[in-house]
Protein backbone atom coordinates (compact mmCIF):
# COMPACT_ATOMS: atom_id res chain seq x y z
CA MET A 1 0.00 0.00 0.00
CA LEU A 2 2.88 2.35 0.85
CA VAL A 3 4.52 1.67 -2.54
CA ALA A 4 1.26 2.28 -4.33
CA SER A 5 0.73 5.52 -2.43
CA CYS A 6 4.24 6.74 -3.27
CA ARG A 7 3.70 5.85 -6.93
CA SER A 8 0.47 7.83 -6.91
CA VAL A 9 2.25 10.89 -5.52
CA VAL A 10 4.94 10.64 -8.19
CA ASP A 11 2.30 10.28 -10.92
CA ASP A 12 0.51 13.37 -9.64
CA ALA A 13 3.78 15.33 -9.62
CA GLU A 14 4.53 14.25 -13.20
CA GLN A 15 1.09 15.34 -14.32
CA ILE A 16 1.53 18.71 -12.68
CA THR A 17 4.84 19.38 -14.47
CA VAL A 18 3.57 18.42 -17.94
CA LYS A 19 3.59 21.50 -20.15
CA THR A 20 1.44 22.19 -23.17
CA ARG A 21 2.81 23.94 -26.23
CA ILE A 22 0.75 26.81 -27.63
CA VAL A 23 1.21 28.82 -30.82
CA LEU A 24 -0.07 32.39 -31.11
CA ILE A 25 -0.56 34.52 -34.22
CA MET A 26 0.24 38.10 -33.27
CA GLU A 27 -0.40 41.53 -34.75
CA TYR A 28 1.36 44.66 -33.53
CA ASP A 29 2.21 48.28 -34.18
CA GLY A 30 5.97 48.35 -33.65
CA THR A 31 6.35 52.14 -33.63
CA GLU A 32 7.06 52.51 -29.92
CA TYR A 33 9.14 49.34 -29.55
CA TYR A 34 12.81 48.43 -29.96
CA GLY A 35 11.96 45.42 -32.07
CA PHE A 36 10.58 42.03 -31.09
CA GLN A 37 13.47 40.57 -29.11
CA TRP A 38 13.79 41.26 -25.40
CA GLN A 39 16.23 44.05 -24.43
CA LYS A 40 17.18 45.29 -21.00
CA ASN A 41 15.54 48.60 -20.05
CA ARG A 42 13.91 48.99 -23.47
CA PRO A 43 10.30 48.24 -24.48
CA THR A 44 9.99 45.27 -26.84
CA ILE A 45 7.16 43.15 -28.20
CA GLN A 46 8.57 40.03 -26.52
CA GLN A 47 8.54 41.74 -23.15
CA GLU A 48 4.89 42.77 -23.57
CA ILE A 49 3.79 39.23 -24.48
CA GLU A 50 5.78 37.58 -21.69
CA THR A 51 4.42 40.05 -19.16
CA ALA A 52 0.86 39.35 -20.32
CA ILE A 53 1.44 35.57 -20.05
CA TYR A 54 2.71 36.04 -16.49
CA GLN A 55 -0.31 38.15 -15.56
CA LEU A 56 -2.65 35.52 -17.01
CA THR A 57 -0.95 32.33 -15.76
CA GLY A 58 1.55 33.36 -13.09
CA GLU A 59 4.32 31.73 -15.16
CA SER A 60 7.61 33.43 -16.06
CA MET A 61 8.97 32.20 -19.38
CA ARG A 62 10.75 32.99 -22.61
CA ILE A 63 8.75 32.83 -25.81
CA THR A 64 10.10 32.13 -29.31
CA ALA A 65 9.07 33.94 -32.49
CA ALA A 66 9.26 33.02 -36.17
CA SER A 67 10.91 36.34 -37.08
CA ARG A 68 12.73 38.91 -34.93
CA THR A 69 11.37 42.14 -36.32
CA ASP A 70 13.54 45.24 -35.90
CA THR A 71 12.91 48.51 -34.08
CA GLY A 72 9.79 50.23 -35.39
CA VAL A 73 8.74 47.33 -37.65
CA HIS A 74 5.13 46.12 -37.59
CA ALA A 75 3.54 42.69 -37.92
CA LYS A 76 0.25 41.31 -39.13
CA GLY A 77 1.16 37.62 -38.93
CA GLN A 78 3.95 37.09 -36.40
CA VAL A 79 4.04 33.53 -35.04
CA VAL A 80 4.97 32.95 -31.40
CA THR A 81 5.22 29.76 -29.34
CA PHE A 82 5.67 28.85 -25.67
CA ARG A 83 5.06 26.03 -23.20
CA THR A 84 2.70 26.36 -20.27
CA SER A 85 1.48 24.22 -17.37
CA SER A 86 -1.63 26.37 -17.10
CA SER A 87 -5.02 24.69 -17.52
CA THR A 88 -6.45 27.84 -19.10
CA PRO A 89 -8.61 26.88 -22.14
CA LEU A 90 -7.10 27.81 -25.48
CA LYS A 91 -9.78 30.39 -26.35
CA ASN A 92 -9.18 32.06 -22.99
CA PHE A 93 -5.53 32.56 -23.89
CA ILE A 94 -6.69 34.82 -26.71
CA THR A 95 -9.14 36.87 -24.66
CA GLY A 96 -7.00 36.78 -21.51
CA LEU A 97 -3.75 37.87 -23.14
CA ASN A 98 -5.53 40.59 -25.11
CA HIS A 99 -6.92 41.88 -21.82
CA TYR A 100 -3.40 42.36 -20.44
CA LEU A 101 -1.61 43.38 -23.64
CA PRO A 102 -1.38 47.08 -24.61
CA VAL A 103 -3.58 48.32 -27.46
CA SER A 104 -0.57 48.18 -29.83
CA VAL A 105 -0.23 44.37 -29.51
CA ALA A 106 -2.90 41.69 -30.02
CA VAL A 107 -3.33 37.92 -30.25
CA LYS A 108 -5.35 37.09 -33.37
CA TYR A 109 -5.45 33.29 -33.13
CA ALA A 110 -4.09 30.39 -31.06
CA PHE A 111 -3.70 26.65 -31.61
CA TYR A 112 -1.96 23.52 -30.32
CA PRO A 113 0.79 22.49 -32.79
CA ASP A 114 1.83 18.98 -33.82
CA ASP A 115 4.85 17.47 -32.09
CA ASP A 116 7.14 18.06 -35.07
CA PHE A 117 6.25 21.75 -35.40
CA HIS A 118 9.11 24.23 -34.84
CA VAL A 119 8.25 27.90 -35.03
CA GLN A 120 11.52 28.74 -36.83
CA HIS A 121 12.91 25.54 -38.38
CA SER A 122 9.56 24.49 -39.89
CA VAL A 123 9.18 27.75 -41.83
CA ILE A 124 8.99 27.47 -45.62
CA ASN A 125 9.20 31.21 -46.22
CA ARG A 126 8.32 34.58 -44.75
CA LYS A 127 6.49 37.43 -46.44
CA TYR A 128 7.21 41.09 -45.76
CA GLU A 129 5.52 44.10 -47.31
CA TYR A 130 6.82 47.64 -47.44
CA TYR A 131 4.27 50.46 -47.78
CA VAL A 132 5.19 53.62 -49.67
CA LEU A 133 2.87 56.61 -49.61
CA ASN A 134 3.80 58.26 -52.90
CA SER A 135 2.23 61.65 -52.28
CA THR A 136 3.18 65.31 -52.00
CA THR A 137 1.15 65.58 -48.80
CA ARG A 138 1.43 63.62 -45.58
CA SER A 139 -1.27 61.32 -44.25
CA PRO A 140 -2.11 61.32 -40.52
CA LEU A 141 -3.64 57.85 -40.95
CA TRP A 142 -0.57 56.32 -42.61
CA GLN A 143 2.32 58.20 -41.00
CA ARG A 144 3.06 55.37 -38.55
CA PHE A 145 2.75 52.62 -41.16
CA ALA A 146 4.06 53.94 -44.49
CA TYR A 147 7.07 55.86 -45.82
CA LEU A 148 6.12 59.20 -47.36
CA VAL A 149 7.92 59.64 -50.70
CA PRO A 150 6.89 62.84 -52.55
CA ASP A 151 9.11 62.19 -55.59
CA ARG A 152 7.75 60.92 -58.89
CA LEU A 153 8.60 57.21 -59.16
CA ASN A 154 9.07 55.07 -62.27
CA LEU A 155 7.25 51.95 -61.14
CA VAL A 156 8.04 50.04 -64.35
CA LYS A 157 11.81 50.30 -63.77
CA MET A 158 11.36 49.39 -60.10
CA GLN A 159 9.34 46.34 -61.10
CA ASP A 160 11.98 45.27 -63.62
CA ALA A 161 14.72 45.50 -60.99
CA CYS A 162 12.66 43.30 -58.66
CA GLN A 163 13.13 40.36 -60.99
CA LEU A 164 16.88 40.41 -60.31
CA LEU A 165 16.12 39.52 -56.69
CA VAL A 166 14.18 36.34 -57.42
CA GLY A 167 16.08 33.09 -56.96
CA GLU A 168 18.97 32.04 -54.75
CA HIS A 169 21.63 34.76 -54.47
CA ASP A 170 24.27 36.09 -52.14
CA PHE A 171 22.60 39.17 -50.66
CA ALA A 172 25.61 40.35 -48.63
CA SER A 173 25.39 43.84 -50.17
CA PHE A 174 21.88 44.23 -48.77
CA THR A 175 22.74 43.54 -45.16
CA SER A 176 24.20 45.94 -42.62
CA THR A 177 27.89 46.49 -42.05
CA ASP A 178 27.46 45.20 -38.48
CA SER A 179 26.54 41.80 -39.96
CA VAL A 180 29.93 41.22 -41.59
CA GLN A 181 30.60 38.22 -39.31
CA LEU A 182 27.59 36.37 -40.74
CA LYS A 183 28.93 33.20 -42.36
CA ASN A 184 26.13 32.57 -44.84
CA THR A 185 24.55 35.49 -46.72
CA ILE A 186 22.86 33.36 -49.39
CA ARG A 187 19.07 33.54 -49.34
CA ARG A 188 16.29 32.27 -51.60
CA VAL A 189 13.75 34.86 -52.75
CA ASP A 190 10.58 33.26 -54.09
CA GLU A 191 8.77 36.46 -55.03
CA ALA A 192 9.49 40.20 -55.26
CA ARG A 193 7.10 42.68 -56.81
CA PHE A 194 5.33 46.01 -56.56
CA LYS A 195 1.60 46.68 -56.62
CA LYS A 196 -0.66 49.67 -56.11
CA GLU A 197 -3.16 49.24 -53.31
CA ASN A 198 -5.39 51.70 -51.40
CA GLY A 199 -3.41 54.69 -52.65
CA LEU A 200 -0.09 53.08 -51.66
CA ILE A 201 2.79 51.52 -53.55
CA VAL A 202 3.36 48.16 -51.89
CA PHE A 203 6.59 46.20 -52.23
CA SER A 204 6.17 42.54 -51.29
CA ILE A 205 8.99 40.05 -50.91
CA LEU A 206 8.80 36.37 -50.04
CA ALA A 207 11.97 34.54 -48.97
CA ASN A 208 13.11 31.59 -46.89
CA SER A 209 14.77 34.04 -44.48
CA PHE A 210 16.22 37.55 -44.45
CA LEU A 211 19.48 39.19 -43.49
CA THR A 212 19.58 42.09 -41.04
CA HIS A 213 17.95 45.16 -42.67
CA GLN A 214 17.80 43.32 -46.02
CA VAL A 215 14.29 44.43 -46.94
CA ARG A 216 14.79 48.07 -45.94
CA ASN A 217 18.09 48.32 -47.81
CA THR A 218 16.49 46.66 -50.83
CA ILE A 219 13.51 49.02 -50.96
CA GLY A 220 15.87 51.97 -50.45
CA ALA A 221 17.85 50.98 -53.55
CA LEU A 222 14.69 50.27 -55.56
CA LEU A 223 13.33 53.72 -54.71
CA GLU A 224 16.58 55.22 -56.02
CA ILE A 225 15.87 53.44 -59.31
CA GLY A 226 12.34 54.83 -59.28
CA ARG A 227 13.69 58.36 -58.72
CA GLY A 228 16.10 57.96 -61.63
CA LYS A 229 19.16 58.17 -59.36
CA MET A 230 20.26 54.58 -59.94
CA SER A 231 20.15 52.36 -63.02
CA THR A 232 19.18 48.70 -63.11
CA HIS A 233 22.75 47.97 -64.17
CA GLU A 234 24.08 49.70 -61.03
CA PHE A 235 21.59 47.76 -58.91
CA CYS A 236 22.86 44.52 -60.44
CA SER A 237 26.45 45.58 -59.79
CA ILE A 238 25.64 46.19 -56.12
CA MET A 239 24.32 42.63 -55.86
CA GLU A 240 27.39 41.19 -57.55
CA GLN A 241 29.88 43.01 -55.30
CA LYS A 242 28.57 41.23 -52.17
CA LYS A 243 29.81 43.96 -49.85
CA PRO A 244 27.79 44.53 -46.63
CA GLY A 245 26.29 48.00 -46.38
CA LEU A 246 26.60 48.74 -50.11
CA ALA A 247 22.87 48.80 -50.93
CA GLY A 248 20.58 51.57 -49.79
CA PRO A 249 19.92 54.15 -48.56
CA ARG A 250 18.04 52.21 -45.88
CA ALA A 251 14.32 52.99 -45.89
CA PRO A 252 12.75 53.87 -42.52
CA ALA A 253 11.25 51.11 -40.39
CA CYS A 254 7.73 52.59 -40.35
CA GLY A 255 6.82 51.15 -43.76
CA LEU A 256 7.87 47.55 -43.05
CA HIS A 257 5.33 44.87 -42.10
CA LEU A 258 5.76 41.14 -41.42
CA VAL A 259 2.65 39.90 -43.19
CA ARG A 260 2.81 36.13 -43.09
CA VAL A 261 4.94 33.14 -42.09
CA ASN A 262 4.30 30.08 -44.24
CA TYR A 263 4.52 26.52 -42.89
CA PRO A 264 3.83 23.13 -44.47
CA ARG A 265 0.17 22.30 -44.77
CA PRO A 266 -2.05 21.65 -42.88
CA ILE A 267 -0.33 24.01 -40.41
CA GLU A 268 -0.61 26.87 -42.91
CA GLU A 269 -4.33 26.26 -43.37
CA GLU A 270 -4.79 25.99 -39.61
CA ILE A 271 -3.32 29.44 -39.16
CA TYR A 272 -4.59 31.55 -41.99
CA GLU A 273 -8.02 30.13 -42.67
CA ASN A 274 -9.00 31.06 -39.12
CA LEU A 275 -7.79 34.67 -39.14
């Protein structure tokens, strides 16, 4: 009887320590934050989410995200995961966390992933969009989320230059000079194009992963082509030189949005068909 009782206590303890993995789809306005990743004495998206989880469950933890967005960058489809021993129902994680999160950060959807799901390693590709307000007057509604460019832009030449990005290339020239120690600067771009939408010029780029400041340096160079200050040949030469910091000028963070993180189906359907 004593052995059985001891075994029962051990079983109970094991059950208590079992943790459930949860995946959240997040949306946020990154204007007031120093990026996603936690930083000491600076407001970050990660800090806001972890604080909200603690307020909801009483658990202190580190979360993991699919993409570490930079200072001032926004997200519509950031993917975050963590483990919890809380018995809080899944739907209550959405309403509960949104109760504690600031108005600039929100949980849009939550689900339990399969055992083989990894928020970073399972990613097929990530999609970013950069919003350009091509206008001679500013917009109070878009000033936090789009880059105001009053110059006349040649969208045809910008679109043509986009095609040079598609495929697997060494994008060293499009990363920052502080990333020179990065061993591998080869990335695969599946799509790069411009479109006009809601009075904006939208640059969208889909790639397996991105180098530091790659998208902002890329759009900066493409805008120079649109202004007539850089030729497509010069853009191609910048790519071929593979020298960090060569592309640019870097566009401001306000126009950059992490739109979507794509995973193998049915995970992808699970996420985006429920948003």
